[in-house]
Amino acid sequence: MTWQLFQVIGAVAAVGSGTGLALAGGWLALVVAIAVVVLLMTPSVVAATAGTGSAD
């Protein structure tokens, strides 16, 4: 989650700069960070990292 927070901060800075490639890269980093956070919160990942899931 820490890495995603840094990605969001960098993405906001890049989008705020408003220049071509930095703008596109900022949006891309923001989308990736949000997607990873959503995927990290899926029940299977939470169960696996909390140690409450099955041994499979």
PDB file of N, CA and C in Angstrom:
ATOM      1  N   MET A   1       0.817  -1.185   0.000  1.00  0.00           N
ATOM      2  CA  MET A   1       0.000   0.000   0.000  1.00  0.00           C
ATOM      3  C   MET A   1       0.869   1.261   0.000  1.00  0.00           C
ATOM      4  N   THR A   2       2.040   1.175   0.599  1.00  0.00           N
ATOM      5  CA  THR A   2       2.914   2.345   0.622  1.00  0.00           C
ATOM      6  C   THR A   2       3.346   2.730  -0.787  1.00  0.00           C
ATOM      7  N   TRP A   3       3.689   1.739  -1.600  1.00  0.00           N
ATOM      8  CA  TRP A   3       4.119   2.020  -2.964  1.00  0.00           C
ATOM      9  C   TRP A   3       3.000   2.671  -3.758  1.00  0.00           C
ATOM     10  N   GLN A   4       1.768   2.213  -3.565  1.00  0.00           N
ATOM     11  CA  GLN A   4       0.641   2.793  -4.284  1.00  0.00           C
ATOM     12  C   GLN A   4       0.416   4.241  -3.861  1.00  0.00           C
ATOM     13  N   LEU A   5       0.636   4.534  -2.592  1.00  0.00           N
ATOM     14  CA  LEU A   5       0.513   5.916  -2.120  1.00  0.00           C
ATOM     15  C   LEU A   5       1.537   6.810  -2.813  1.00  0.00           C
ATOM     16  N   PHE A   6       2.770   6.334  -2.922  1.00  0.00           N
ATOM     17  CA  PHE A   6       3.794   7.107  -3.626  1.00  0.00           C
ATOM     18  C   PHE A   6       3.465   7.262  -5.105  1.00  0.00           C
ATOM     19  N   GLN A   7       2.888   6.222  -5.707  1.00  0.00           N
ATOM     20  CA  GLN A   7       2.476   6.320  -7.110  1.00  0.00           C
ATOM     21  C   GLN A   7       1.401   7.387  -7.286  1.00  0.00           C
ATOM     22  N   VAL A   8       0.439   7.427  -6.385  1.00  0.00           N
ATOM     23  CA  VAL A   8      -0.628   8.427  -6.475  1.00  0.00           C
ATOM     24  C   VAL A   8      -0.054   9.825  -6.320  1.00  0.00           C
ATOM     25  N   ILE A   9       0.848  10.014  -5.379  1.00  0.00           N
ATOM     26  CA  ILE A   9       1.466  11.330  -5.180  1.00  0.00           C
ATOM     27  C   ILE A   9       2.229  11.756  -6.431  1.00  0.00           C
ATOM     28  N   GLY A  10       3.020  10.843  -6.990  1.00  0.00           N
ATOM     29  CA  GLY A  10       3.753  11.153  -8.219  1.00  0.00           C
ATOM     30  C   GLY A  10       2.833  11.401  -9.390  1.00  0.00           C
ATOM     31  N   ALA A  11       1.756  10.630  -9.480  1.00  0.00           N
ATOM     32  CA  ALA A  11       0.804  10.798 -10.577  1.00  0.00           C
ATOM     33  C   ALA A  11       0.113  12.148 -10.501  1.00  0.00           C
ATOM     34  N   VAL A  12      -0.279  12.545  -9.313  1.00  0.00           N
ATOM     35  CA  VAL A  12      -0.930  13.849  -9.151  1.00  0.00           C
ATOM     36  C   VAL A  12       0.034  14.969  -9.530  1.00  0.00           C
ATOM     37  N   ALA A  13       1.289  14.835  -9.154  1.00  0.00           N
ATOM     38  CA  ALA A  13       2.284  15.842  -9.529  1.00  0.00           C
ATOM     39  C   ALA A  13       2.484  15.875 -11.036  1.00  0.00           C
ATOM     40  N   ALA A  14       2.538  14.707 -11.669  1.00  0.00           N
ATOM     41  CA  ALA A  14       2.734  14.646 -13.123  1.00  0.00           C
ATOM     42  C   ALA A  14       1.532  15.199 -13.865  1.00  0.00           C
ATOM     43  N   VAL A  15       0.331  14.859 -13.421  1.00  0.00           N
ATOM     44  CA  VAL A  15      -0.880  15.373 -14.067  1.00  0.00           C
ATOM     45  C   VAL A  15      -0.966  16.882 -13.864  1.00  0.00           C
ATOM     46  N   GLY A  16      -0.550  17.351 -12.707  1.00  0.00           N
ATOM     47  CA  GLY A  16      -0.577  18.784 -12.424  1.00  0.00           C
ATOM     48  C   GLY A  16       0.389  19.581 -13.274  1.00  0.00           C
ATOM     49  N   SER A  17       1.453  18.934 -13.760  1.00  0.00           N
ATOM     50  CA  SER A  17       2.423  19.656 -14.588  1.00  0.00           C
ATOM     51  C   SER A  17       1.843  19.992 -15.951  1.00  0.00           C
ATOM     52  N   GLY A  18       0.953  19.146 -16.446  1.00  0.00           N
ATOM     53  CA  GLY A  18       0.223  19.431 -17.679  1.00  0.00           C
ATOM     54  C   GLY A  18       1.023  19.371 -18.961  1.00  0.00           C
ATOM     55  N   THR A  19       2.142  18.657 -18.983  1.00  0.00           N
ATOM     56  CA  THR A  19       2.899  18.536 -20.224  1.00  0.00           C
ATOM     57  C   THR A  19       2.712  17.139 -20.796  1.00  0.00           C
ATOM     58  N   GLY A  20       2.685  17.017 -22.103  1.00  0.00           N
ATOM     59  CA  GLY A  20       2.359  15.825 -22.865  1.00  0.00           C
ATOM     60  C   GLY A  20       2.656  14.477 -22.266  1.00  0.00           C
ATOM     61  N   LEU A  21       3.906  14.046 -22.322  1.00  0.00           N
ATOM     62  CA  LEU A  21       4.262  12.702 -21.885  1.00  0.00           C
ATOM     63  C   LEU A  21       4.114  12.547 -20.371  1.00  0.00           C
ATOM     64  N   ALA A  22       4.443  13.573 -19.620  1.00  0.00           N
ATOM     65  CA  ALA A  22       4.280  13.515 -18.169  1.00  0.00           C
ATOM     66  C   ALA A  22       2.809  13.381 -17.798  1.00  0.00           C
ATOM     67  N   LEU A  23       1.958  14.047 -18.530  1.00  0.00           N
ATOM     68  CA  LEU A  23       0.518  13.967 -18.281  1.00  0.00           C
ATOM     69  C   LEU A  23       0.014  12.545 -18.530  1.00  0.00           C
ATOM     70  N   ALA A  24       0.409  11.961 -19.648  1.00  0.00           N
ATOM     71  CA  ALA A  24      -0.002  10.591 -19.967  1.00  0.00           C
ATOM     72  C   ALA A  24       0.563   9.600 -18.949  1.00  0.00           C
ATOM     73  N   GLY A  25       1.819   9.764 -18.591  1.00  0.00           N
ATOM     74  CA  GLY A  25       2.433   8.886 -17.599  1.00  0.00           C
ATOM     75  C   GLY A  25       1.789   9.020 -16.234  1.00  0.00           C
ATOM     76  N   GLY A  26       1.404  10.232 -15.892  1.00  0.00           N
ATOM     77  CA  GLY A  26       0.725  10.464 -14.620  1.00  0.00           C
ATOM     78  C   GLY A  26      -0.605   9.742 -14.549  1.00  0.00           C
ATOM     79  N   TRP A  27      -1.377   9.851 -15.627  1.00  0.00           N
ATOM     80  CA  TRP A  27      -2.670   9.151 -15.660  1.00  0.00           C
ATOM     81  C   TRP A  27      -2.468   7.645 -15.623  1.00  0.00           C
ATOM     82  N   LEU A  28      -1.466   7.151 -16.346  1.00  0.00           N
ATOM     83  CA  LEU A  28      -1.187   5.716 -16.357  1.00  0.00           C
ATOM     84  C   LEU A  28      -0.802   5.231 -14.958  1.00  0.00           C
ATOM     85  N   ALA A  29       0.065   5.955 -14.285  1.00  0.00           N
ATOM     86  CA  ALA A  29       0.478   5.576 -12.932  1.00  0.00           C
ATOM     87  C   ALA A  29      -0.701   5.610 -11.969  1.00  0.00           C
ATOM     88  N   LEU A  30      -1.578   6.587 -12.134  1.00  0.00           N
ATOM     89  CA  LEU A  30      -2.751   6.691 -11.273  1.00  0.00           C
ATOM     90  C   LEU A  30      -3.691   5.507 -11.479  1.00  0.00           C
ATOM     91  N   VAL A  31      -3.925   5.145 -12.726  1.00  0.00           N
ATOM     92  CA  VAL A  31      -4.800   4.003 -13.025  1.00  0.00           C
ATOM     93  C   VAL A  31      -4.207   2.709 -12.475  1.00  0.00           C
ATOM     94  N   VAL A  32      -2.910   2.523 -12.656  1.00  0.00           N
ATOM     95  CA  VAL A  32      -2.253   1.311 -12.150  1.00  0.00           C
ATOM     96  C   VAL A  32      -2.330   1.257 -10.624  1.00  0.00           C
ATOM     97  N   ALA A  33      -2.060   2.368  -9.958  1.00  0.00           N
ATOM     98  CA  ALA A  33      -2.099   2.396  -8.497  1.00  0.00           C
ATOM     99  C   ALA A  33      -3.494   2.069  -7.976  1.00  0.00           C
ATOM    100  N   ILE A  34      -4.516   2.642  -8.588  1.00  0.00           N
ATOM    101  CA  ILE A  34      -5.889   2.377  -8.151  1.00  0.00           C
ATOM    102  C   ILE A  34      -6.260   0.917  -8.403  1.00  0.00           C
ATOM    103  N   ALA A  35      -5.869   0.390  -9.555  1.00  0.00           N
ATOM    104  CA  ALA A  35      -6.176  -1.012  -9.867  1.00  0.00           C
ATOM    105  C   ALA A  35      -5.515  -1.955  -8.867  1.00  0.00           C
ATOM    106  N   VAL A  36      -4.277  -1.685  -8.510  1.00  0.00           N
ATOM    107  CA  VAL A  36      -3.571  -2.553  -7.563  1.00  0.00           C
ATOM    108  C   VAL A  36      -4.207  -2.471  -6.180  1.00  0.00           C
ATOM    109  N   VAL A  37      -4.600  -1.285  -5.740  1.00  0.00           N
ATOM    110  CA  VAL A  37      -5.265  -1.150  -4.439  1.00  0.00           C
ATOM    111  C   VAL A  37      -6.569  -1.943  -4.432  1.00  0.00           C
ATOM    112  N   VAL A  38      -7.344  -1.833  -5.503  1.00  0.00           N
ATOM    113  CA  VAL A  38      -8.604  -2.584  -5.585  1.00  0.00           C
ATOM    114  C   VAL A  38      -8.326  -4.085  -5.542  1.00  0.00           C
ATOM    115  N   LEU A  39      -7.331  -4.537  -6.303  1.00  0.00           N
ATOM    116  CA  LEU A  39      -7.005  -5.964  -6.312  1.00  0.00           C
ATOM    117  C   LEU A  39      -6.454  -6.443  -4.968  1.00  0.00           C
ATOM    118  N   LEU A  40      -5.724  -5.589  -4.259  1.00  0.00           N
ATOM    119  CA  LEU A  40      -5.206  -5.966  -2.944  1.00  0.00           C
ATOM    120  C   LEU A  40      -6.310  -6.137  -1.908  1.00  0.00           C
ATOM    121  N   MET A  41      -7.459  -5.533  -2.148  1.00  0.00           N
ATOM    122  CA  MET A  41      -8.564  -5.609  -1.200  1.00  0.00           C
ATOM    123  C   MET A  41      -9.567  -6.713  -1.524  1.00  0.00           C
ATOM    124  N   THR A  42      -9.269  -7.546  -2.519  1.00  0.00           N
ATOM    125  CA  THR A  42     -10.169  -8.656  -2.826  1.00  0.00           C
ATOM    126  C   THR A  42     -10.130  -9.663  -1.677  1.00  0.00           C
ATOM    127  N   PRO A  43     -11.252 -10.331  -1.426  1.00  0.00           N
ATOM    128  CA  PRO A  43     -11.313 -11.257  -0.281  1.00  0.00           C
ATOM    129  C   PRO A  43     -10.232 -12.342  -0.293  1.00  0.00           C
ATOM    130  N   SER A  44      -9.883 -12.856  -1.457  1.00  0.00           N
ATOM    131  CA  SER A  44      -8.876 -13.920  -1.497  1.00  0.00           C
ATOM    132  C   SER A  44      -7.497 -13.411  -1.076  1.00  0.00           C
ATOM    133  N   VAL A  45      -7.143 -12.211  -1.479  1.00  0.00           N
ATOM    134  CA  VAL A  45      -5.842 -11.650  -1.097  1.00  0.00           C
ATOM    135  C   VAL A  45      -5.829 -11.295   0.381  1.00  0.00           C
ATOM    136  N   VAL A  46      -6.911 -10.719   0.872  1.00  0.00           N
ATOM    137  CA  VAL A  46      -6.993 -10.382   2.295  1.00  0.00           C
ATOM    138  C   VAL A  46      -6.899 -11.643   3.143  1.00  0.00           C
ATOM    139  N   ALA A  47      -7.593 -12.698   2.740  1.00  0.00           N
ATOM    140  CA  ALA A  47      -7.536 -13.957   3.490  1.00  0.00           C
ATOM    141  C   ALA A  47      -6.132 -14.553   3.460  1.00  0.00           C
ATOM    142  N   ALA A  48      -5.472 -14.496   2.318  1.00  0.00           N
ATOM    143  CA  ALA A  48      -4.127 -15.059   2.199  1.00  0.00           C
ATOM    144  C   ALA A  48      -3.112 -14.287   3.034  1.00  0.00           C
ATOM    145  N   THR A  49      -3.228 -12.985   3.069  1.00  0.00           N
ATOM    146  CA  THR A  49      -2.256 -12.186   3.816  1.00  0.00           C
ATOM    147  C   THR A  49      -2.583 -12.106   5.295  1.00  0.00           C
ATOM    148  N   ALA A  50      -3.836 -12.345   5.661  1.00  0.00           N
ATOM    149  CA  ALA A  50      -4.219 -12.320   7.071  1.00  0.00           C
ATOM    150  C   ALA A  50      -3.950 -13.657   7.750  1.00  0.00           C
ATOM    151  N   GLY A  51      -3.682 -14.673   6.957  1.00  0.00           N
ATOM    152  CA  GLY A  51      -3.414 -15.983   7.525  1.00  0.00           C
ATOM    153  C   GLY A  51      -4.670 -16.723   7.947  1.00  0.00           C
ATOM    154  N   THR A  52      -5.838 -16.254   7.526  1.00  0.00           N
ATOM    155  CA  THR A  52      -7.087 -16.904   7.904  1.00  0.00           C
ATOM    156  C   THR A  52      -7.645 -17.777   6.795  1.00  0.00           C
ATOM    157  N   GLY A  53      -6.968 -17.808   5.655  1.00  0.00           N
ATOM    158  CA  GLY A  53      -7.447 -18.599   4.525  1.00  0.00           C
ATOM    159  C   GLY A  53      -7.074 -20.063   4.671  1.00  0.00           C
ATOM    160  N   SER A  54      -7.489 -20.858   3.721  1.00  0.00           N
ATOM    161  CA  SER A  54      -7.150 -22.280   3.739  1.00  0.00           C
ATOM    162  C   SER A  54      -5.684 -22.470   3.350  1.00  0.00           C
ATOM    163  N   ALA A  55      -5.183 -23.655   3.549  1.00  0.00           N
ATOM    164  CA  ALA A  55      -3.775 -23.944   3.281  1.00  0.00           C
ATOM    165  C   ALA A  55      -3.490 -24.161   1.803  1.00  0.00           C
ATOM    166  N   ASP A  56      -4.483 -24.065   0.954  1.00  0.00           N
ATOM    167  CA  ASP A  56      -4.307 -24.308  -0.488  1.00  0.00           C
ATOM    168  C   ASP A  56      -3.375 -23.311  -1.087  1.00  0.00           C
TER     169      ASP A  56
END
